[in-house]
Amino acid sequence: MSPKWTAIKAAYHLGEAWVAQQGEDADHSPVETQAIARVMDADPEYFEEVWDVWQEELLLAAYTQKQIDEARYWLEVVVIDELSKL
């Protein structure tokens, strides 16, 4: 099993991956994102803990509810459903 990051560190990496997905410059590591996806897929409680932290960061950064919903969709579909299976 992949190492388990703190929820704060995992949320940071997901945020960077999300920004990169949007076409912006980011400190993004696809390998770390994939490893986080595997851990989140295997542990639903960890998934929710990381999401709660990342959602709070998005709110503090003044993302709209629509953008937050898009980030959640991306997290569930692209990160968990696709990346965790690679």
N, C-alpha and C. Protein backbone atom coordinates (compact mmCIF):
# COMPACT_ATOMS: atom_id res chain seq x y z
N MET A 1 0.85 -1.19 0.00
CA MET A 1 0.00 0.00 0.00
C MET A 1 0.89 1.25 0.00
N SER A 2 0.42 2.28 -0.62
CA SER A 2 1.14 3.54 -0.69
C SER A 2 1.21 4.18 0.69
N PRO A 3 2.20 5.05 0.88
CA PRO A 3 2.26 5.77 2.16
C PRO A 3 1.03 6.65 2.33
N LYS A 4 0.70 6.94 3.58
CA LYS A 4 -0.47 7.76 3.85
C LYS A 4 -0.02 9.15 4.30
N TRP A 5 -0.42 10.14 3.54
CA TRP A 5 -0.09 11.52 3.87
C TRP A 5 -1.08 12.04 4.89
N THR A 6 -0.70 13.09 5.58
CA THR A 6 -1.68 13.77 6.42
C THR A 6 -2.75 14.33 5.50
N ALA A 7 -3.92 14.56 6.03
CA ALA A 7 -5.01 15.11 5.21
C ALA A 7 -4.61 16.47 4.64
N ILE A 8 -3.88 17.24 5.40
CA ILE A 8 -3.46 18.57 4.93
C ILE A 8 -2.50 18.45 3.75
N LYS A 9 -1.52 17.54 3.86
CA LYS A 9 -0.56 17.37 2.77
C LYS A 9 -1.24 16.77 1.54
N ALA A 10 -2.13 15.81 1.73
CA ALA A 10 -2.85 15.22 0.61
C ALA A 10 -3.71 16.27 -0.08
N ALA A 11 -4.39 17.10 0.71
CA ALA A 11 -5.23 18.16 0.14
C ALA A 11 -4.38 19.15 -0.66
N TYR A 12 -3.19 19.45 -0.16
CA TYR A 12 -2.28 20.34 -0.90
C TYR A 12 -1.95 19.74 -2.27
N HIS A 13 -1.57 18.46 -2.28
CA HIS A 13 -1.22 17.81 -3.54
C HIS A 13 -2.42 17.74 -4.49
N LEU A 14 -3.59 17.47 -3.96
CA LEU A 14 -4.78 17.45 -4.81
C LEU A 14 -5.06 18.83 -5.37
N GLY A 15 -4.89 19.85 -4.55
CA GLY A 15 -5.09 21.22 -5.02
C GLY A 15 -4.14 21.57 -6.15
N GLU A 16 -2.88 21.16 -6.02
CA GLU A 16 -1.91 21.41 -7.08
C GLU A 16 -2.27 20.63 -8.35
N ALA A 17 -2.72 19.39 -8.18
CA ALA A 17 -3.13 18.59 -9.34
C ALA A 17 -4.35 19.21 -10.03
N TRP A 18 -5.27 19.73 -9.22
CA TRP A 18 -6.47 20.38 -9.76
C TRP A 18 -6.09 21.62 -10.56
N VAL A 19 -5.19 22.42 -10.03
CA VAL A 19 -4.74 23.63 -10.72
C VAL A 19 -4.06 23.24 -12.03
N ALA A 20 -3.23 22.20 -12.00
CA ALA A 20 -2.56 21.74 -13.23
C ALA A 20 -3.60 21.25 -14.24
N GLN A 21 -4.62 20.58 -13.76
CA GLN A 21 -5.70 20.09 -14.62
C GLN A 21 -6.40 21.26 -15.32
N GLN A 22 -6.44 22.39 -14.65
CA GLN A 22 -7.08 23.59 -15.21
C GLN A 22 -6.15 24.33 -16.18
N GLY A 23 -4.93 23.81 -16.36
CA GLY A 23 -4.00 24.41 -17.31
C GLY A 23 -3.10 25.48 -16.73
N GLU A 24 -3.07 25.59 -15.42
CA GLU A 24 -2.24 26.59 -14.77
C GLU A 24 -0.94 25.95 -14.28
N ASP A 25 0.08 26.78 -14.06
CA ASP A 25 1.33 26.29 -13.51
C ASP A 25 1.10 25.84 -12.08
N ALA A 26 1.66 24.68 -11.74
CA ALA A 26 1.47 24.14 -10.40
C ALA A 26 2.64 23.23 -10.04
N ASP A 27 2.84 23.09 -8.76
CA ASP A 27 3.84 22.17 -8.22
C ASP A 27 3.16 20.80 -8.11
N HIS A 28 3.01 20.14 -9.26
CA HIS A 28 2.19 18.94 -9.35
C HIS A 28 3.04 17.71 -9.60
N SER A 29 2.78 16.65 -8.85
CA SER A 29 3.46 15.38 -9.05
C SER A 29 2.41 14.32 -9.37
N PRO A 30 2.32 13.89 -10.63
CA PRO A 30 1.34 12.85 -10.98
C PRO A 30 1.53 11.57 -10.18
N VAL A 31 2.77 11.24 -9.85
CA VAL A 31 3.04 10.02 -9.08
C VAL A 31 2.43 10.14 -7.68
N GLU A 32 2.62 11.27 -7.03
CA GLU A 32 2.04 11.47 -5.70
C GLU A 32 0.53 11.52 -5.77
N THR A 33 -0.02 12.15 -6.78
CA THR A 33 -1.47 12.22 -6.92
C THR A 33 -2.05 10.81 -7.08
N GLN A 34 -1.40 9.99 -7.88
CA GLN A 34 -1.87 8.62 -8.07
C GLN A 34 -1.77 7.83 -6.76
N ALA A 35 -0.70 8.00 -6.02
CA ALA A 35 -0.55 7.30 -4.74
C ALA A 35 -1.61 7.74 -3.74
N ILE A 36 -1.88 9.02 -3.69
CA ILE A 36 -2.93 9.53 -2.81
C ILE A 36 -4.28 8.96 -3.23
N ALA A 37 -4.52 8.90 -4.54
CA ALA A 37 -5.78 8.34 -5.05
C ALA A 37 -5.97 6.90 -4.58
N ARG A 38 -4.92 6.13 -4.61
CA ARG A 38 -5.02 4.72 -4.17
C ARG A 38 -5.38 4.62 -2.70
N VAL A 39 -4.74 5.44 -1.89
CA VAL A 39 -5.04 5.41 -0.46
C VAL A 39 -6.47 5.87 -0.20
N MET A 40 -6.88 6.94 -0.88
CA MET A 40 -8.23 7.45 -0.70
C MET A 40 -9.28 6.44 -1.17
N ASP A 41 -8.98 5.73 -2.25
CA ASP A 41 -9.91 4.72 -2.76
C ASP A 41 -10.06 3.57 -1.77
N ALA A 42 -8.99 3.22 -1.10
CA ALA A 42 -9.01 2.10 -0.15
C ALA A 42 -9.59 2.46 1.21
N ASP A 43 -9.65 3.76 1.51
CA ASP A 43 -10.08 4.19 2.85
C ASP A 43 -11.08 5.34 2.74
N PRO A 44 -12.38 5.03 2.72
CA PRO A 44 -13.41 6.07 2.57
C PRO A 44 -13.36 7.16 3.65
N GLU A 45 -12.98 6.79 4.86
CA GLU A 45 -12.88 7.81 5.93
C GLU A 45 -11.76 8.79 5.62
N TYR A 46 -10.64 8.28 5.14
CA TYR A 46 -9.53 9.14 4.76
C TYR A 46 -9.94 10.03 3.60
N PHE A 47 -10.67 9.47 2.63
CA PHE A 47 -11.18 10.25 1.50
C PHE A 47 -11.95 11.46 2.02
N GLU A 48 -12.89 11.23 2.93
CA GLU A 48 -13.72 12.33 3.44
C GLU A 48 -12.90 13.32 4.26
N GLU A 49 -11.93 12.82 5.00
CA GLU A 49 -11.07 13.71 5.79
C GLU A 49 -10.27 14.64 4.88
N VAL A 50 -9.70 14.06 3.82
CA VAL A 50 -8.93 14.87 2.86
C VAL A 50 -9.86 15.85 2.14
N TRP A 51 -11.03 15.38 1.72
CA TRP A 51 -11.96 16.26 1.03
C TRP A 51 -12.37 17.43 1.93
N ASP A 52 -12.63 17.16 3.19
CA ASP A 52 -13.02 18.24 4.10
C ASP A 52 -11.94 19.32 4.17
N VAL A 53 -10.69 18.89 4.25
CA VAL A 53 -9.58 19.86 4.31
C VAL A 53 -9.48 20.62 3.00
N TRP A 54 -9.52 19.91 1.88
CA TRP A 54 -9.38 20.57 0.58
C TRP A 54 -10.56 21.50 0.31
N GLN A 55 -11.76 21.07 0.66
CA GLN A 55 -12.93 21.93 0.47
C GLN A 55 -12.79 23.22 1.27
N GLU A 56 -12.30 23.12 2.48
CA GLU A 56 -12.08 24.31 3.30
C GLU A 56 -11.06 25.24 2.64
N GLU A 57 -9.99 24.66 2.08
CA GLU A 57 -9.00 25.47 1.37
C GLU A 57 -9.62 26.17 0.16
N LEU A 58 -10.47 25.45 -0.57
CA LEU A 58 -11.13 26.05 -1.72
C LEU A 58 -12.05 27.19 -1.30
N LEU A 59 -12.77 27.00 -0.22
CA LEU A 59 -13.65 28.06 0.30
C LEU A 59 -12.84 29.28 0.71
N LEU A 60 -11.73 29.06 1.40
CA LEU A 60 -10.88 30.17 1.84
C LEU A 60 -10.24 30.91 0.66
N ALA A 61 -10.04 30.19 -0.44
CA ALA A 61 -9.47 30.80 -1.64
C ALA A 61 -10.55 31.45 -2.51
N ALA A 62 -11.77 31.52 -2.00
CA ALA A 62 -12.89 32.19 -2.66
C ALA A 62 -13.37 31.50 -3.94
N TYR A 63 -13.23 30.18 -3.98
CA TYR A 63 -13.83 29.44 -5.09
C TYR A 63 -15.34 29.47 -4.94
N THR A 64 -16.04 29.48 -6.06
CA THR A 64 -17.50 29.46 -6.02
C THR A 64 -17.99 28.05 -5.70
N GLN A 65 -19.25 27.92 -5.33
CA GLN A 65 -19.80 26.59 -5.06
C GLN A 65 -19.74 25.72 -6.31
N LYS A 66 -19.95 26.33 -7.47
CA LYS A 66 -19.87 25.58 -8.72
C LYS A 66 -18.46 25.02 -8.92
N GLN A 67 -17.45 25.82 -8.67
CA GLN A 67 -16.07 25.37 -8.80
C GLN A 67 -15.75 24.26 -7.79
N ILE A 68 -16.27 24.40 -6.60
CA ILE A 68 -16.05 23.37 -5.57
C ILE A 68 -16.73 22.07 -5.97
N ASP A 69 -17.93 22.17 -6.52
CA ASP A 69 -18.63 20.98 -7.00
C ASP A 69 -17.85 20.32 -8.14
N GLU A 70 -17.28 21.13 -9.03
CA GLU A 70 -16.46 20.60 -10.12
C GLU A 70 -15.21 19.91 -9.58
N ALA A 71 -14.61 20.48 -8.55
CA ALA A 71 -13.43 19.87 -7.93
C ALA A 71 -13.80 18.53 -7.30
N ARG A 72 -14.94 18.46 -6.64
CA ARG A 72 -15.39 17.20 -6.04
C ARG A 72 -15.64 16.16 -7.13
N TYR A 73 -16.28 16.55 -8.20
CA TYR A 73 -16.53 15.63 -9.32
C TYR A 73 -15.20 15.12 -9.88
N TRP A 74 -14.26 16.03 -10.12
CA TRP A 74 -12.94 15.65 -10.62
C TRP A 74 -12.27 14.68 -9.65
N LEU A 75 -12.36 14.96 -8.37
CA LEU A 75 -11.75 14.08 -7.37
C LEU A 75 -12.35 12.68 -7.43
N GLU A 76 -13.65 12.60 -7.51
CA GLU A 76 -14.31 11.28 -7.52
C GLU A 76 -14.11 10.54 -8.83
N VAL A 77 -14.25 11.23 -9.95
CA VAL A 77 -14.24 10.55 -11.25
C VAL A 77 -12.82 10.37 -11.80
N VAL A 78 -12.07 11.45 -11.85
CA VAL A 78 -10.73 11.36 -12.45
C VAL A 78 -9.73 10.76 -11.47
N VAL A 79 -9.67 11.31 -10.28
CA VAL A 79 -8.65 10.85 -9.33
C VAL A 79 -8.97 9.46 -8.80
N ILE A 80 -10.13 9.29 -8.20
CA ILE A 80 -10.44 8.01 -7.57
C ILE A 80 -10.78 6.94 -8.60
N ASP A 81 -11.73 7.19 -9.48
CA ASP A 81 -12.19 6.16 -10.41
C ASP A 81 -11.16 5.81 -11.47
N GLU A 82 -10.31 6.76 -11.85
CA GLU A 82 -9.34 6.49 -12.91
C GLU A 82 -7.93 6.29 -12.39
N LEU A 83 -7.39 7.29 -11.71
CA LEU A 83 -5.99 7.23 -11.28
C LEU A 83 -5.72 6.11 -10.29
N SER A 84 -6.63 5.85 -9.38
CA SER A 84 -6.36 4.83 -8.37
C SER A 84 -6.30 3.44 -8.96
N LYS A 85 -6.82 3.25 -10.17
CA LYS A 85 -6.84 1.94 -10.81
C LYS A 85 -5.63 1.68 -11.70
N LEU A 86 -4.81 2.72 -11.94
CA LEU A 86 -3.64 2.55 -12.82
C LEU A 86 -2.56 1.75 -12.14
